[in-house]
Amino acid sequence: MIKPAALLNLAIFSVAAALACAAPAAAGPNIPKPPPDLANLEREVSLKIAHVRGEGPTDPVLRQKLHDAEHLDAKAEQEIGAGDFRSAEDDLVKANALATELAH
């Protein structure tokens, strides 16, 4: 069973992710849409990070890794908004590796 706090975190994060995805579209037609593979990777990474955050690692090393993954994910979202898809993909791959390591 999923903890209520984890569900709340996931709901908040999902809304934030949806707003972040909508922001580039609202910025104007000059910014191209990200490739579908990149959008799927961003969604996957965001969900993994939300899951790990819901588990609430207490070890300082694991918390730092979670912070690093969150930072890379946020940076990638900004890069996607700016149309820098290559940098976004690089950061998402790193964040995905950290989140996968933390999830196991």
Protein backbone atom coordinates (compact mmCIF):
# COMPACT_ATOMS: atom_id res chain seq x y z
CA MET A 1 0.00 0.00 0.00
CA ILE A 2 1.27 3.44 -0.84
CA LYS A 3 1.72 5.86 2.03
CA PRO A 4 -0.57 8.92 2.02
CA ALA A 5 2.47 11.23 2.17
CA ALA A 6 3.90 9.53 -0.92
CA LEU A 7 0.61 10.01 -2.77
CA LEU A 8 0.52 13.68 -1.82
CA ASN A 9 4.12 14.16 -2.97
CA LEU A 10 3.37 12.39 -6.24
CA ALA A 11 0.26 14.50 -6.80
CA ILE A 12 2.10 17.75 -6.12
CA PHE A 13 4.99 16.73 -8.32
CA SER A 14 2.66 15.65 -11.13
CA VAL A 15 0.93 19.03 -11.12
CA ALA A 16 4.30 20.81 -11.09
CA ALA A 17 5.55 18.66 -13.97
CA ALA A 18 2.39 19.33 -15.97
CA LEU A 19 2.78 23.06 -15.44
CA ALA A 20 6.45 22.90 -16.38
CA CYS A 21 5.58 21.07 -19.59
CA ALA A 22 2.90 23.64 -20.40
CA ALA A 23 5.19 26.60 -19.78
CA PRO A 24 7.33 26.12 -22.92
CA ALA A 25 4.22 25.84 -25.07
CA ALA A 26 2.92 29.09 -23.62
CA ALA A 27 6.25 30.81 -24.27
CA GLY A 28 5.60 30.96 -27.97
CA PRO A 29 5.95 29.11 -31.24
CA ASN A 30 9.71 29.75 -31.53
CA ILE A 31 10.60 26.97 -29.09
CA PRO A 32 10.41 23.51 -30.69
CA LYS A 33 8.69 20.65 -28.92
CA PRO A 34 11.02 18.09 -27.35
CA PRO A 35 11.35 14.74 -29.09
CA PRO A 36 8.92 12.12 -27.74
CA ASP A 37 11.77 9.98 -26.37
CA LEU A 38 13.06 12.94 -24.37
CA ALA A 39 9.59 13.74 -23.03
CA ASN A 40 9.16 10.11 -21.97
CA LEU A 41 12.57 10.09 -20.27
CA GLU A 42 11.72 13.28 -18.39
CA ARG A 43 8.44 11.79 -17.21
CA GLU A 44 10.15 8.54 -16.14
CA VAL A 45 12.86 10.38 -14.22
CA SER A 46 10.34 12.65 -12.52
CA LEU A 47 8.27 9.68 -11.37
CA LYS A 48 11.33 7.83 -10.05
CA ILE A 49 12.46 10.89 -8.13
CA ALA A 50 8.96 11.37 -6.69
CA HIS A 51 8.93 7.74 -5.57
CA VAL A 52 12.34 8.02 -3.89
CA ARG A 53 11.32 11.31 -2.27
CA GLY A 54 8.19 9.61 -0.94
CA GLU A 55 10.32 6.90 0.63
CA GLY A 56 12.30 9.65 2.38
CA PRO A 57 15.91 8.40 2.53
CA THR A 58 17.45 9.28 5.89
CA ASP A 59 21.08 8.47 5.16
CA PRO A 60 22.97 11.73 4.39
CA VAL A 61 24.72 10.20 1.37
CA LEU A 62 21.43 9.01 -0.11
CA ARG A 63 19.76 12.34 0.60
CA GLN A 64 22.59 14.11 -1.25
CA LYS A 65 22.13 11.78 -4.23
CA LEU A 66 18.40 12.55 -4.20
CA HIS A 67 19.20 16.27 -4.10
CA ASP A 68 21.61 15.85 -7.03
CA ALA A 69 18.98 13.94 -9.04
CA GLU A 70 16.36 16.62 -8.32
CA HIS A 71 18.80 19.35 -9.35
CA LEU A 72 19.62 17.60 -12.63
CA ASP A 73 15.91 17.04 -13.34
CA ALA A 74 15.10 20.70 -12.71
CA LYS A 75 18.04 21.79 -14.86
CA ALA A 76 16.85 19.49 -17.66
CA GLU A 77 13.36 21.00 -17.50
CA GLN A 78 14.87 24.46 -17.96
CA GLU A 79 16.99 23.19 -20.85
CA ILE A 80 13.93 21.64 -22.49
CA GLY A 81 12.14 24.97 -22.14
CA ALA A 82 15.07 26.69 -23.80
CA GLY A 83 15.18 24.13 -26.62
CA ASP A 84 18.56 22.68 -25.54
CA PHE A 85 17.48 19.06 -25.91
CA ARG A 86 20.96 17.54 -26.02
CA SER A 87 21.96 19.02 -22.66
CA ALA A 88 18.57 18.09 -21.22
CA GLU A 89 19.01 14.49 -22.31
CA ASP A 90 22.51 14.33 -20.78
CA ASP A 91 21.20 15.66 -17.46
CA LEU A 92 18.18 13.36 -17.49
CA VAL A 93 20.36 10.31 -18.12
CA LYS A 94 22.48 11.26 -15.09
CA ALA A 95 19.40 11.93 -12.96
CA ASN A 96 17.87 8.64 -14.08
CA ALA A 97 20.99 6.74 -13.03
CA LEU A 98 20.90 8.35 -9.58
CA ALA A 99 17.16 7.79 -9.14
CA THR A 100 17.44 4.15 -10.26
CA GLU A 101 20.27 3.58 -7.80
CA LEU A 102 18.23 5.14 -4.99
CA ALA A 103 15.10 3.17 -5.85
CA HIS A 104 16.85 -0.17 -5.29
